[in-house]
PDB file of N, CA and C in Angstrom:
ATOM      1  N   MET A   1     -13.249  54.690 -22.952  1.00  0.00           N
ATOM      2  CA  MET A   1     -12.165  53.769 -23.248  1.00  0.00           C
ATOM      3  C   MET A   1     -11.297  53.611 -21.994  1.00  0.00           C
ATOM      4  N   THR A   2     -11.007  52.389 -21.655  1.00  0.00           N
ATOM      5  CA  THR A   2     -10.168  52.126 -20.489  1.00  0.00           C
ATOM      6  C   THR A   2      -8.695  52.157 -20.882  1.00  0.00           C
ATOM      7  N   GLN A   3      -7.884  52.502 -19.910  1.00  0.00           N
ATOM      8  CA  GLN A   3      -6.449  52.512 -20.155  1.00  0.00           C
ATOM      9  C   GLN A   3      -5.888  51.109 -20.003  1.00  0.00           C
ATOM     10  N   ALA A   4      -4.798  50.865 -20.696  1.00  0.00           N
ATOM     11  CA  ALA A   4      -4.111  49.585 -20.558  1.00  0.00           C
ATOM     12  C   ALA A   4      -3.569  49.479 -19.140  1.00  0.00           C
ATOM     13  N   ARG A   5      -3.620  48.293 -18.593  1.00  0.00           N
ATOM     14  CA  ARG A   5      -3.136  48.077 -17.230  1.00  0.00           C
ATOM     15  C   ARG A   5      -1.689  47.626 -17.260  1.00  0.00           C
ATOM     16  N   ILE A   6      -0.841  48.358 -16.552  1.00  0.00           N
ATOM     17  CA  ILE A   6       0.573  47.995 -16.497  1.00  0.00           C
ATOM     18  C   ILE A   6       0.807  46.975 -15.388  1.00  0.00           C
ATOM     19  N   TRP A   7       2.005  46.420 -15.373  1.00  0.00           N
ATOM     20  CA  TRP A   7       2.384  45.417 -14.384  1.00  0.00           C
ATOM     21  C   TRP A   7       2.306  46.002 -12.981  1.00  0.00           C
ATOM     22  N   ARG A   8       1.706  45.229 -12.088  1.00  0.00           N
ATOM     23  CA  ARG A   8       1.649  45.585 -10.668  1.00  0.00           C
ATOM     24  C   ARG A   8       2.451  44.538  -9.908  1.00  0.00           C
ATOM     25  N   LYS A   9       3.507  44.998  -9.294  1.00  0.00           N
ATOM     26  CA  LYS A   9       4.371  44.100  -8.540  1.00  0.00           C
ATOM     27  C   LYS A   9       3.557  43.414  -7.438  1.00  0.00           C
ATOM     28  N   PRO A  10       3.611  42.077  -7.391  1.00  0.00           N
ATOM     29  CA  PRO A  10       2.847  41.378  -6.360  1.00  0.00           C
ATOM     30  C   PRO A  10       3.434  41.659  -4.975  1.00  0.00           C
ATOM     31  N   ASP A  11       2.563  41.713  -3.983  1.00  0.00           N
ATOM     32  CA  ASP A  11       2.983  41.928  -2.606  1.00  0.00           C
ATOM     33  C   ASP A  11       3.350  40.573  -2.008  1.00  0.00           C
ATOM     34  N   ILE A  12       4.645  40.362  -1.804  1.00  0.00           N
ATOM     35  CA  ILE A  12       5.131  39.092  -1.270  1.00  0.00           C
ATOM     36  C   ILE A  12       5.830  39.384   0.050  1.00  0.00           C
ATOM     37  N   ALA A  13       5.330  38.781   1.127  1.00  0.00           N
ATOM     38  CA  ALA A  13       5.904  38.997   2.458  1.00  0.00           C
ATOM     39  C   ALA A  13       7.330  38.462   2.525  1.00  0.00           C
ATOM     40  N   ALA A  14       8.130  39.055   3.387  1.00  0.00           N
ATOM     41  CA  ALA A  14       9.536  38.664   3.524  1.00  0.00           C
ATOM     42  C   ALA A  14       9.694  37.178   3.855  1.00  0.00           C
ATOM     43  N   GLY A  15       8.822  36.626   4.633  1.00  0.00           N
ATOM     44  CA  GLY A  15       8.926  35.217   5.016  1.00  0.00           C
ATOM     45  C   GLY A  15       8.083  34.273   4.183  1.00  0.00           C
ATOM     46  N   ALA A  16       7.659  34.715   3.028  1.00  0.00           N
ATOM     47  CA  ALA A  16       6.781  33.901   2.175  1.00  0.00           C
ATOM     48  C   ALA A  16       7.525  32.662   1.678  1.00  0.00           C
ATOM     49  N   SER A  17       6.776  31.587   1.533  1.00  0.00           N
ATOM     50  CA  SER A  17       7.352  30.362   0.972  1.00  0.00           C
ATOM     51  C   SER A  17       7.498  30.522  -0.538  1.00  0.00           C
ATOM     52  N   ALA A  18       8.251  29.620  -1.128  1.00  0.00           N
ATOM     53  CA  ALA A  18       8.407  29.633  -2.586  1.00  0.00           C
ATOM     54  C   ALA A  18       7.054  29.456  -3.262  1.00  0.00           C
ATOM     55  N   GLY A  19       6.220  28.606  -2.690  1.00  0.00           N
ATOM     56  CA  GLY A  19       4.892  28.383  -3.251  1.00  0.00           C
ATOM     57  C   GLY A  19       4.041  29.639  -3.217  1.00  0.00           C
ATOM     58  N   GLU A  20       4.110  30.380  -2.123  1.00  0.00           N
ATOM     59  CA  GLU A  20       3.356  31.626  -2.009  1.00  0.00           C
ATOM     60  C   GLU A  20       3.868  32.663  -3.015  1.00  0.00           C
ATOM     61  N   ALA A  21       5.175  32.732  -3.186  1.00  0.00           N
ATOM     62  CA  ALA A  21       5.760  33.657  -4.157  1.00  0.00           C
ATOM     63  C   ALA A  21       5.345  33.281  -5.572  1.00  0.00           C
ATOM     64  N   PHE A  22       5.346  31.990  -5.864  1.00  0.00           N
ATOM     65  CA  PHE A  22       4.923  31.509  -7.178  1.00  0.00           C
ATOM     66  C   PHE A  22       3.482  31.911  -7.460  1.00  0.00           C
ATOM     67  N   VAL A  23       2.601  31.629  -6.512  1.00  0.00           N
ATOM     68  CA  VAL A  23       1.179  31.947  -6.696  1.00  0.00           C
ATOM     69  C   VAL A  23       0.982  33.448  -6.880  1.00  0.00           C
ATOM     70  N   ALA A  24       1.666  34.261  -6.085  1.00  0.00           N
ATOM     71  CA  ALA A  24       1.524  35.715  -6.199  1.00  0.00           C
ATOM     72  C   ALA A  24       1.966  36.209  -7.567  1.00  0.00           C
ATOM     73  N   ASN A  25       3.070  35.688  -8.075  1.00  0.00           N
ATOM     74  CA  ASN A  25       3.565  36.101  -9.391  1.00  0.00           C
ATOM     75  C   ASN A  25       2.648  35.636 -10.515  1.00  0.00           C
ATOM     76  N   VAL A  26       2.171  34.412 -10.433  1.00  0.00           N
ATOM     77  CA  VAL A  26       1.248  33.906 -11.456  1.00  0.00           C
ATOM     78  C   VAL A  26      -0.046  34.717 -11.436  1.00  0.00           C
ATOM     79  N   ARG A  27      -0.559  34.975 -10.246  1.00  0.00           N
ATOM     80  CA  ARG A  27      -1.801  35.745 -10.131  1.00  0.00           C
ATOM     81  C   ARG A  27      -1.627  37.146 -10.736  1.00  0.00           C
ATOM     82  N   ALA A  28      -0.524  37.806 -10.435  1.00  0.00           N
ATOM     83  CA  ALA A  28      -0.277  39.151 -10.970  1.00  0.00           C
ATOM     84  C   ALA A  28      -0.198  39.132 -12.494  1.00  0.00           C
ATOM     85  N   ALA A  29       0.474  38.128 -13.037  1.00  0.00           N
ATOM     86  CA  ALA A  29       0.598  38.030 -14.498  1.00  0.00           C
ATOM     87  C   ALA A  29      -0.769  37.769 -15.136  1.00  0.00           C
ATOM     88  N   LEU A  30      -1.539  36.856 -14.559  1.00  0.00           N
ATOM     89  CA  LEU A  30      -2.866  36.544 -15.115  1.00  0.00           C
ATOM     90  C   LEU A  30      -3.806  37.736 -15.019  1.00  0.00           C
ATOM     91  N   GLU A  31      -3.704  38.502 -13.931  1.00  0.00           N
ATOM     92  CA  GLU A  31      -4.544  39.693 -13.798  1.00  0.00           C
ATOM     93  C   GLU A  31      -4.191  40.719 -14.867  1.00  0.00           C
ATOM     94  N   GLN A  32      -2.910  40.877 -15.155  1.00  0.00           N
ATOM     95  CA  GLN A  32      -2.496  41.820 -16.195  1.00  0.00           C
ATOM     96  C   GLN A  32      -2.976  41.358 -17.570  1.00  0.00           C
ATOM     97  N   ILE A  33      -2.844  40.074 -17.834  1.00  0.00           N
ATOM     98  CA  ILE A  33      -3.305  39.522 -19.116  1.00  0.00           C
ATOM     99  C   ILE A  33      -4.804  39.744 -19.267  1.00  0.00           C
ATOM    100  N   ASP A  34      -5.551  39.395 -18.226  1.00  0.00           N
ATOM    101  CA  ASP A  34      -7.013  39.522 -18.266  1.00  0.00           C
ATOM    102  C   ASP A  34      -7.448  40.976 -18.428  1.00  0.00           C
ATOM    103  N   ALA A  35      -6.794  41.878 -17.728  1.00  0.00           N
ATOM    104  CA  ALA A  35      -7.168  43.292 -17.772  1.00  0.00           C
ATOM    105  C   ALA A  35      -6.952  43.911 -19.154  1.00  0.00           C
ATOM    106  N   ASN A  36      -6.050  43.346 -19.941  1.00  0.00           N
ATOM    107  CA  ASN A  36      -5.730  43.925 -21.246  1.00  0.00           C
ATOM    108  C   ASN A  36      -6.280  43.136 -22.431  1.00  0.00           C
ATOM    109  N   ALA A  37      -6.859  41.981 -22.181  1.00  0.00           N
ATOM    110  CA  ALA A  37      -7.301  41.108 -23.270  1.00  0.00           C
ATOM    111  C   ALA A  37      -8.377  41.750 -24.146  1.00  0.00           C
ATOM    112  N   THR A  38      -9.391  42.308 -23.540  1.00  0.00           N
ATOM    113  CA  THR A  38     -10.487  42.885 -24.323  1.00  0.00           C
ATOM    114  C   THR A  38      -9.996  44.037 -25.188  1.00  0.00           C
ATOM    115  N   GLY A  39      -9.200  44.920 -24.601  1.00  0.00           N
ATOM    116  CA  GLY A  39      -8.665  46.044 -25.369  1.00  0.00           C
ATOM    117  C   GLY A  39      -7.785  45.590 -26.519  1.00  0.00           C
ATOM    118  N   ALA A  40      -7.023  44.523 -26.297  1.00  0.00           N
ATOM    119  CA  ALA A  40      -6.159  43.997 -27.359  1.00  0.00           C
ATOM    120  C   ALA A  40      -6.989  43.416 -28.494  1.00  0.00           C
ATOM    121  N   VAL A  41      -8.026  42.665 -28.150  1.00  0.00           N
ATOM    122  CA  VAL A  41      -8.880  42.043 -29.168  1.00  0.00           C
ATOM    123  C   VAL A  41      -9.636  43.104 -29.963  1.00  0.00           C
ATOM    124  N   GLU A  42     -10.118  44.129 -29.277  1.00  0.00           N
ATOM    125  CA  GLU A  42     -10.890  45.170 -29.948  1.00  0.00           C
ATOM    126  C   GLU A  42     -10.002  46.161 -30.699  1.00  0.00           C
ATOM    127  N   GLY A  43      -8.711  46.126 -30.451  1.00  0.00           N
ATOM    128  CA  GLY A  43      -7.794  46.990 -31.170  1.00  0.00           C
ATOM    129  C   GLY A  43      -7.943  48.460 -30.851  1.00  0.00           C
ATOM    130  N   ARG A  44      -8.423  48.767 -29.650  1.00  0.00           N
ATOM    131  CA  ARG A  44      -8.655  50.166 -29.273  1.00  0.00           C
ATOM    132  C   ARG A  44      -7.359  50.960 -29.133  1.00  0.00           C
ATOM    133  N   ASP A  45      -6.337  50.300 -28.628  1.00  0.00           N
ATOM    134  CA  ASP A  45      -5.082  50.992 -28.335  1.00  0.00           C
ATOM    135  C   ASP A  45      -3.980  49.937 -28.359  1.00  0.00           C
ATOM    136  N   PRO A  46      -2.922  50.144 -29.112  1.00  0.00           N
ATOM    137  CA  PRO A  46      -1.851  49.144 -29.176  1.00  0.00           C
ATOM    138  C   PRO A  46      -1.203  48.871 -27.818  1.00  0.00           C
ATOM    139  N   GLU A  47      -1.364  49.793 -26.882  1.00  0.00           N
ATOM    140  CA  GLU A  47      -0.781  49.595 -25.549  1.00  0.00           C
ATOM    141  C   GLU A  47      -1.420  48.396 -24.845  1.00  0.00           C
ATOM    142  N   HIS A  48      -2.689  48.126 -25.133  1.00  0.00           N
ATOM    143  CA  HIS A  48      -3.349  46.947 -24.548  1.00  0.00           C
ATOM    144  C   HIS A  48      -2.635  45.670 -24.992  1.00  0.00           C
ATOM    145  N   LEU A  49      -2.329  45.578 -26.260  1.00  0.00           N
ATOM    146  CA  LEU A  49      -1.627  44.408 -26.771  1.00  0.00           C
ATOM    147  C   LEU A  49      -0.234  44.317 -26.159  1.00  0.00           C
ATOM    148  N   HIS A  50       0.449  45.437 -26.087  1.00  0.00           N
ATOM    149  CA  HIS A  50       1.792  45.446 -25.494  1.00  0.00           C
ATOM    150  C   HIS A  50       1.740  44.945 -24.048  1.00  0.00           C
ATOM    151  N   GLN A  51       0.811  45.474 -23.265  1.00  0.00           N
ATOM    152  CA  GLN A  51       0.733  45.078 -21.855  1.00  0.00           C
ATOM    153  C   GLN A  51       0.262  43.633 -21.699  1.00  0.00           C
ATOM    154  N   LEU A  52      -0.576  43.152 -22.593  1.00  0.00           N
ATOM    155  CA  LEU A  52      -0.956  41.739 -22.574  1.00  0.00           C
ATOM    156  C   LEU A  52       0.283  40.871 -22.794  1.00  0.00           C
ATOM    157  N   ARG A  53       1.120  41.268 -23.750  1.00  0.00           N
ATOM    158  CA  ARG A  53       2.345  40.516 -24.032  1.00  0.00           C
ATOM    159  C   ARG A  53       3.318  40.586 -22.862  1.00  0.00           C
ATOM    160  N   VAL A  54       3.384  41.718 -22.179  1.00  0.00           N
ATOM    161  CA  VAL A  54       4.229  41.830 -20.983  1.00  0.00           C
ATOM    162  C   VAL A  54       3.753  40.820 -19.940  1.00  0.00           C
ATOM    163  N   GLY A  55       2.444  40.734 -19.749  1.00  0.00           N
ATOM    164  CA  GLY A  55       1.893  39.769 -18.793  1.00  0.00           C
ATOM    165  C   GLY A  55       2.236  38.339 -19.172  1.00  0.00           C
ATOM    166  N   LEU A  56       2.158  38.021 -20.465  1.00  0.00           N
ATOM    167  CA  LEU A  56       2.507  36.675 -20.923  1.00  0.00           C
ATOM    168  C   LEU A  56       3.986  36.365 -20.690  1.00  0.00           C
ATOM    169  N   ARG A  57       4.855  37.351 -20.963  1.00  0.00           N
ATOM    170  CA  ARG A  57       6.292  37.140 -20.727  1.00  0.00           C
ATOM    171  C   ARG A  57       6.575  36.941 -19.249  1.00  0.00           C
ATOM    172  N   ARG A  58       5.921  37.694 -18.400  1.00  0.00           N
ATOM    173  CA  ARG A  58       6.134  37.545 -16.953  1.00  0.00           C
ATOM    174  C   ARG A  58       5.609  36.194 -16.467  1.00  0.00           C
ATOM    175  N   LEU A  59       4.504  35.747 -17.010  1.00  0.00           N
ATOM    176  CA  LEU A  59       3.984  34.420 -16.660  1.00  0.00           C
ATOM    177  C   LEU A  59       4.971  33.350 -17.087  1.00  0.00           C
ATOM    178  N   ARG A  60       5.462  33.442 -18.307  1.00  0.00           N
ATOM    179  CA  ARG A  60       6.434  32.475 -18.809  1.00  0.00           C
ATOM    180  C   ARG A  60       7.711  32.495 -17.971  1.00  0.00           C
ATOM    181  N   SER A  61       8.165  33.661 -17.589  1.00  0.00           N
ATOM    182  CA  SER A  61       9.371  33.776 -16.761  1.00  0.00           C
ATOM    183  C   SER A  61       9.154  33.166 -15.384  1.00  0.00           C
ATOM    184  N   THR A  62       7.980  33.370 -14.826  1.00  0.00           N
ATOM    185  CA  THR A  62       7.664  32.787 -13.519  1.00  0.00           C
ATOM    186  C   THR A  62       7.657  31.267 -13.605  1.00  0.00           C
ATOM    187  N   LEU A  63       7.028  30.729 -14.629  1.00  0.00           N
ATOM    188  CA  LEU A  63       7.001  29.269 -14.795  1.00  0.00           C
ATOM    189  C   LEU A  63       8.410  28.716 -14.971  1.00  0.00           C
ATOM    190  N   ARG A  64       9.234  29.422 -15.704  1.00  0.00           N
ATOM    191  CA  ARG A  64      10.615  28.996 -15.909  1.00  0.00           C
ATOM    192  C   ARG A  64      11.418  29.065 -14.606  1.00  0.00           C
ATOM    193  N   ALA A  65      11.252  30.147 -13.845  1.00  0.00           N
ATOM    194  CA  ALA A  65      12.011  30.347 -12.605  1.00  0.00           C
ATOM    195  C   ALA A  65      11.637  29.320 -11.540  1.00  0.00           C
ATOM    196  N   PHE A  66      10.377  28.910 -11.508  1.00  0.00           N
ATOM    197  CA  PHE A  66       9.922  27.981 -10.482  1.00  0.00           C
ATOM    198  C   PHE A  66       9.799  26.557 -11.001  1.00  0.00           C
ATOM    199  N   HIS A  67      10.311  26.302 -12.184  1.00  0.00           N
ATOM    200  CA  HIS A  67      10.160  24.995 -12.832  1.00  0.00           C
ATOM    201  C   HIS A  67      10.576  23.843 -11.930  1.00  0.00           C
ATOM    202  N   SER A  68      11.693  23.969 -11.254  1.00  0.00           N
ATOM    203  CA  SER A  68      12.191  22.853 -10.433  1.00  0.00           C
ATOM    204  C   SER A  68      11.303  22.579  -9.221  1.00  0.00           C
ATOM    205  N   LEU A  69      10.474  23.541  -8.849  1.00  0.00           N
ATOM    206  CA  LEU A  69       9.575  23.356  -7.703  1.00  0.00           C
ATOM    207  C   LEU A  69       8.224  22.783  -8.105  1.00  0.00           C
ATOM    208  N   LEU A  70       7.932  22.811  -9.395  1.00  0.00           N
ATOM    209  CA  LEU A  70       6.624  22.336  -9.859  1.00  0.00           C
ATOM    210  C   LEU A  70       6.647  20.840 -10.123  1.00  0.00           C
ATOM    211  N   ARG A  71       5.569  20.211  -9.826  1.00  0.00           N
ATOM    212  CA  ARG A  71       5.463  18.766 -10.086  1.00  0.00           C
ATOM    213  C   ARG A  71       4.818  18.550 -11.424  1.00  0.00           C
TER     214      ARG A  71
END
């Protein structure tokens, strides 16, 4: 049984553009969602579902924070 994957802070360089920061945050959230999806569906451990939901909230927060930059 695999462990649930917790949030991994994306590595964003000090001089990164807003677009680069957006992509890094979205990628980190999607990786967390993907890493926990199977465990959540199979019901092996409630922590998988919790961490999947954390990934979804972080994705939603990223989209909200960068909304004005998105076309």
